Amino acid sequence: MAKAAKTAIKTKDQKAAAEAKNWTKVIRTVRSPKTGAYTFKEAIVHKDKIKEHLAG
């Protein structure tokens, strides 16, 4: 049988766990000017700043 997925963050500090849920991993595709190949850039961004990060 498969293991059950654990979705809750288990920590002693519930406030820190709630703050951790406000961050998102953003993956952007960037085209190389030399080769024309695509690469991926990853960043951890606060959920309120995602649109600013993608625009810039």
PDB file of N, CA and C in Angstrom:
ATOM      1  N   MET A   1       0.829  -1.185   0.000  1.00  0.00           N
ATOM      2  CA  MET A   1       0.000   0.000   0.000  1.00  0.00           C
ATOM      3  C   MET A   1       0.868   1.242   0.000  1.00  0.00           C
ATOM      4  N   ALA A   2       0.356   2.288  -0.590  1.00  0.00           N
ATOM      5  CA  ALA A   2       1.075   3.555  -0.655  1.00  0.00           C
ATOM      6  C   ALA A   2       0.935   4.316   0.653  1.00  0.00           C
ATOM      7  N   LYS A   3       1.919   5.136   0.937  1.00  0.00           N
ATOM      8  CA  LYS A   3       1.871   5.967   2.138  1.00  0.00           C
ATOM      9  C   LYS A   3       0.871   7.097   1.940  1.00  0.00           C
ATOM     10  N   ALA A   4       0.274   7.521   3.014  1.00  0.00           N
ATOM     11  CA  ALA A   4      -0.648   8.654   2.967  1.00  0.00           C
ATOM     12  C   ALA A   4       0.159   9.936   2.850  1.00  0.00           C
ATOM     13  N   ALA A   5      -0.314  10.862   2.030  1.00  0.00           N
ATOM     14  CA  ALA A   5       0.377  12.143   1.854  1.00  0.00           C
ATOM     15  C   ALA A   5       0.207  13.002   3.095  1.00  0.00           C
ATOM     16  N   LYS A   6       1.275  13.592   3.518  1.00  0.00           N
ATOM     17  CA  LYS A   6       1.240  14.475   4.684  1.00  0.00           C
ATOM     18  C   LYS A   6       1.223  15.911   4.185  1.00  0.00           C
ATOM     19  N   THR A   7       0.111  16.580   4.308  1.00  0.00           N
ATOM     20  CA  THR A   7      -0.002  17.945   3.814  1.00  0.00           C
ATOM     21  C   THR A   7       0.246  18.982   4.893  1.00  0.00           C
ATOM     22  N   ALA A   8       0.091  18.611   6.127  1.00  0.00           N
ATOM     23  CA  ALA A   8       0.274  19.573   7.223  1.00  0.00           C
ATOM     24  C   ALA A   8       1.750  19.698   7.560  1.00  0.00           C
ATOM     25  N   ILE A   9       2.187  20.901   7.801  1.00  0.00           N
ATOM     26  CA  ILE A   9       3.556  21.132   8.245  1.00  0.00           C
ATOM     27  C   ILE A   9       3.597  20.854   9.738  1.00  0.00           C
ATOM     28  N   LYS A  10       4.467  19.946  10.139  1.00  0.00           N
ATOM     29  CA  LYS A  10       4.541  19.581  11.549  1.00  0.00           C
ATOM     30  C   LYS A  10       5.710  20.307  12.187  1.00  0.00           C
ATOM     31  N   THR A  11       5.378  21.200  13.062  1.00  0.00           N
ATOM     32  CA  THR A  11       6.391  21.954  13.778  1.00  0.00           C
ATOM     33  C   THR A  11       5.844  22.340  15.139  1.00  0.00           C
ATOM     34  N   LYS A  12       6.721  22.680  16.029  1.00  0.00           N
ATOM     35  CA  LYS A  12       6.289  23.107  17.352  1.00  0.00           C
ATOM     36  C   LYS A  12       5.760  24.531  17.324  1.00  0.00           C
ATOM     37  N   ASP A  13       6.240  25.318  16.370  1.00  0.00           N
ATOM     38  CA  ASP A  13       5.851  26.722  16.288  1.00  0.00           C
ATOM     39  C   ASP A  13       4.788  26.887  15.191  1.00  0.00           C
ATOM     40  N   GLN A  14       3.546  26.995  15.559  1.00  0.00           N
ATOM     41  CA  GLN A  14       2.451  27.105  14.588  1.00  0.00           C
ATOM     42  C   GLN A  14       2.494  28.420  13.826  1.00  0.00           C
ATOM     43  N   LYS A  15       2.998  29.479  14.446  1.00  0.00           N
ATOM     44  CA  LYS A  15       3.092  30.771  13.763  1.00  0.00           C
ATOM     45  C   LYS A  15       4.096  30.692  12.617  1.00  0.00           C
ATOM     46  N   ALA A  16       5.206  30.014  12.833  1.00  0.00           N
ATOM     47  CA  ALA A  16       6.213  29.842  11.782  1.00  0.00           C
ATOM     48  C   ALA A  16       5.658  28.977  10.657  1.00  0.00           C
ATOM     49  N   ALA A  17       4.857  27.985  10.996  1.00  0.00           N
ATOM     50  CA  ALA A  17       4.260  27.127   9.977  1.00  0.00           C
ATOM     51  C   ALA A  17       3.275  27.919   9.124  1.00  0.00           C
ATOM     52  N   ALA A  18       2.522  28.806   9.735  1.00  0.00           N
ATOM     53  CA  ALA A  18       1.573  29.625   8.988  1.00  0.00           C
ATOM     54  C   ALA A  18       2.313  30.606   8.082  1.00  0.00           C
ATOM     55  N   GLU A  19       3.434  31.148   8.541  1.00  0.00           N
ATOM     56  CA  GLU A  19       4.222  32.074   7.726  1.00  0.00           C
ATOM     57  C   GLU A  19       4.877  31.352   6.550  1.00  0.00           C
ATOM     58  N   ALA A  20       5.264  30.124   6.728  1.00  0.00           N
ATOM     59  CA  ALA A  20       5.912  29.359   5.661  1.00  0.00           C
ATOM     60  C   ALA A  20       4.968  29.133   4.482  1.00  0.00           C
ATOM     61  N   LYS A  21       3.686  29.102   4.729  1.00  0.00           N
ATOM     62  CA  LYS A  21       2.707  28.884   3.666  1.00  0.00           C
ATOM     63  C   LYS A  21       2.544  30.116   2.780  1.00  0.00           C
ATOM     64  N   ASN A  22       3.132  31.243   3.156  1.00  0.00           N
ATOM     65  CA  ASN A  22       3.026  32.465   2.362  1.00  0.00           C
ATOM     66  C   ASN A  22       4.094  32.554   1.282  1.00  0.00           C
ATOM     67  N   TRP A  23       4.983  31.587   1.192  1.00  0.00           N
ATOM     68  CA  TRP A  23       6.069  31.603   0.218  1.00  0.00           C
ATOM     69  C   TRP A  23       5.780  30.592  -0.889  1.00  0.00           C
ATOM     70  N   THR A  24       6.171  30.933  -2.110  1.00  0.00           N
ATOM     71  CA  THR A  24       5.890  30.106  -3.276  1.00  0.00           C
ATOM     72  C   THR A  24       7.150  29.947  -4.111  1.00  0.00           C
ATOM     73  N   LYS A  25       7.327  28.773  -4.695  1.00  0.00           N
ATOM     74  CA  LYS A  25       8.445  28.541  -5.597  1.00  0.00           C
ATOM     75  C   LYS A  25       8.012  28.946  -6.999  1.00  0.00           C
ATOM     76  N   VAL A  26       8.762  29.863  -7.614  1.00  0.00           N
ATOM     77  CA  VAL A  26       8.445  30.360  -8.945  1.00  0.00           C
ATOM     78  C   VAL A  26       9.522  29.852  -9.897  1.00  0.00           C
ATOM     79  N   ILE A  27       9.091  29.224 -10.990  1.00  0.00           N
ATOM     80  CA  ILE A  27      10.016  28.709 -11.991  1.00  0.00           C
ATOM     81  C   ILE A  27       9.754  29.448 -13.291  1.00  0.00           C
ATOM     82  N   ARG A  28      10.800  30.112 -13.810  1.00  0.00           N
ATOM     83  CA  ARG A  28      10.680  30.881 -15.048  1.00  0.00           C
ATOM     84  C   ARG A  28      11.541  30.233 -16.129  1.00  0.00           C
ATOM     85  N   THR A  29      11.082  30.293 -17.376  1.00  0.00           N
ATOM     86  CA  THR A  29      11.912  29.864 -18.494  1.00  0.00           C
ATOM     87  C   THR A  29      12.611  31.092 -19.050  1.00  0.00           C
ATOM     88  N   VAL A  30      13.908  30.962 -19.277  1.00  0.00           N
ATOM     89  CA  VAL A  30      14.716  32.065 -19.785  1.00  0.00           C
ATOM     90  C   VAL A  30      15.454  31.556 -21.017  1.00  0.00           C
ATOM     91  N   ARG A  31      15.383  32.304 -22.085  1.00  0.00           N
ATOM     92  CA  ARG A  31      16.049  31.897 -23.315  1.00  0.00           C
ATOM     93  C   ARG A  31      17.470  32.450 -23.339  1.00  0.00           C
ATOM     94  N   SER A  32      18.427  31.598 -23.639  1.00  0.00           N
ATOM     95  CA  SER A  32      19.824  31.998 -23.703  1.00  0.00           C
ATOM     96  C   SER A  32      20.070  32.804 -24.975  1.00  0.00           C
ATOM     97  N   PRO A  33      20.720  33.972 -24.872  1.00  0.00           N
ATOM     98  CA  PRO A  33      20.978  34.774 -26.069  1.00  0.00           C
ATOM     99  C   PRO A  33      22.017  34.137 -26.996  1.00  0.00           C
ATOM    100  N   LYS A  34      22.925  33.326 -26.450  1.00  0.00           N
ATOM    101  CA  LYS A  34      23.962  32.696 -27.268  1.00  0.00           C
ATOM    102  C   LYS A  34      23.428  31.512 -28.077  1.00  0.00           C
ATOM    103  N   THR A  35      22.822  30.566 -27.384  1.00  0.00           N
ATOM    104  CA  THR A  35      22.422  29.318 -28.036  1.00  0.00           C
ATOM    105  C   THR A  35      20.952  29.274 -28.427  1.00  0.00           C
ATOM    106  N   GLY A  36      20.137  30.082 -27.780  1.00  0.00           N
ATOM    107  CA  GLY A  36      18.705  30.051 -28.042  1.00  0.00           C
ATOM    108  C   GLY A  36      17.986  28.960 -27.256  1.00  0.00           C
ATOM    109  N   ALA A  37      18.731  28.211 -26.454  1.00  0.00           N
ATOM    110  CA  ALA A  37      18.133  27.156 -25.643  1.00  0.00           C
ATOM    111  C   ALA A  37      17.454  27.762 -24.418  1.00  0.00           C
ATOM    112  N   TYR A  38      16.462  27.067 -23.924  1.00  0.00           N
ATOM    113  CA  TYR A  38      15.755  27.527 -22.733  1.00  0.00           C
ATOM    114  C   TYR A  38      16.388  26.937 -21.482  1.00  0.00           C
ATOM    115  N   THR A  39      16.476  27.754 -20.438  1.00  0.00           N
ATOM    116  CA  THR A  39      16.900  27.300 -19.124  1.00  0.00           C
ATOM    117  C   THR A  39      15.827  27.695 -18.124  1.00  0.00           C
ATOM    118  N   PHE A  40      15.896  27.119 -16.958  1.00  0.00           N
ATOM    119  CA  PHE A  40      14.905  27.389 -15.928  1.00  0.00           C
ATOM    120  C   PHE A  40      15.566  28.090 -14.755  1.00  0.00           C
ATOM    121  N   LYS A  41      14.941  29.161 -14.286  1.00  0.00           N
ATOM    122  CA  LYS A  41      15.408  29.899 -13.121  1.00  0.00           C
ATOM    123  C   LYS A  41      14.370  29.727 -12.021  1.00  0.00           C
ATOM    124  N   GLU A  42      14.824  29.274 -10.873  1.00  0.00           N
ATOM    125  CA  GLU A  42      13.928  29.044  -9.748  1.00  0.00           C
ATOM    126  C   GLU A  42      14.182  30.083  -8.665  1.00  0.00           C
ATOM    127  N   ALA A  43      13.100  30.495  -8.004  1.00  0.00           N
ATOM    128  CA  ALA A  43      13.212  31.445  -6.897  1.00  0.00           C
ATOM    129  C   ALA A  43      12.073  31.193  -5.915  1.00  0.00           C
ATOM    130  N   ILE A  44      12.345  31.452  -4.656  1.00  0.00           N
ATOM    131  CA  ILE A  44      11.324  31.389  -3.613  1.00  0.00           C
ATOM    132  C   ILE A  44      10.877  32.827  -3.366  1.00  0.00           C
ATOM    133  N   VAL A  45       9.595  33.104  -3.615  1.00  0.00           N
ATOM    134  CA  VAL A  45       9.066  34.464  -3.571  1.00  0.00           C
ATOM    135  C   VAL A  45       7.849  34.500  -2.653  1.00  0.00           C
ATOM    136  N   HIS A  46       7.683  35.599  -1.933  1.00  0.00           N
ATOM    137  CA  HIS A  46       6.493  35.790  -1.098  1.00  0.00           C
ATOM    138  C   HIS A  46       5.273  35.878  -2.012  1.00  0.00           C
ATOM    139  N   LYS A  47       4.162  35.332  -1.584  1.00  0.00           N
ATOM    140  CA  LYS A  47       2.980  35.254  -2.449  1.00  0.00           C
ATOM    141  C   LYS A  47       2.445  36.614  -2.881  1.00  0.00           C
ATOM    142  N   ASP A  48       2.733  37.668  -2.126  1.00  0.00           N
ATOM    143  CA  ASP A  48       2.274  39.004  -2.499  1.00  0.00           C
ATOM    144  C   ASP A  48       3.151  39.639  -3.580  1.00  0.00           C
ATOM    145  N   LYS A  49       4.325  39.096  -3.835  1.00  0.00           N
ATOM    146  CA  LYS A  49       5.268  39.699  -4.773  1.00  0.00           C
ATOM    147  C   LYS A  49       5.477  38.863  -6.035  1.00  0.00           C
ATOM    148  N   ILE A  50       4.631  37.885  -6.291  1.00  0.00           N
ATOM    149  CA  ILE A  50       4.807  36.993  -7.445  1.00  0.00           C
ATOM    150  C   ILE A  50       4.685  37.758  -8.757  1.00  0.00           C
ATOM    151  N   LYS A  51       3.680  38.583  -8.901  1.00  0.00           N
ATOM    152  CA  LYS A  51       3.483  39.317 -10.159  1.00  0.00           C
ATOM    153  C   LYS A  51       4.635  40.271 -10.429  1.00  0.00           C
ATOM    154  N   GLU A  52       5.156  40.911  -9.387  1.00  0.00           N
ATOM    155  CA  GLU A  52       6.297  41.810  -9.551  1.00  0.00           C
ATOM    156  C   GLU A  52       7.536  41.028  -9.992  1.00  0.00           C
ATOM    157  N   HIS A  53       7.714  39.839  -9.438  1.00  0.00           N
ATOM    158  CA  HIS A  53       8.876  39.019  -9.798  1.00  0.00           C
ATOM    159  C   HIS A  53       8.790  38.558 -11.261  1.00  0.00           C
ATOM    160  N   LEU A  54       7.620  38.159 -11.692  1.00  0.00           N
ATOM    161  CA  LEU A  54       7.461  37.690 -13.061  1.00  0.00           C
ATOM    162  C   LEU A  54       7.544  38.839 -14.077  1.00  0.00           C
ATOM    163  N   ALA A  55       7.168  40.033 -13.686  1.00  0.00           N
ATOM    164  CA  ALA A  55       7.229  41.179 -14.587  1.00  0.00           C
ATOM    165  C   ALA A  55       8.667  41.674 -14.767  1.00  0.00           C
ATOM    166  N   GLY A  56       9.483  41.513 -13.758  1.00  0.00           N
ATOM    167  CA  GLY A  56      10.833  42.064 -13.766  1.00  0.00           C
ATOM    168  C   GLY A  56      11.888  41.166 -14.304  1.00  0.00           C
TER     169      GLY A  56
END
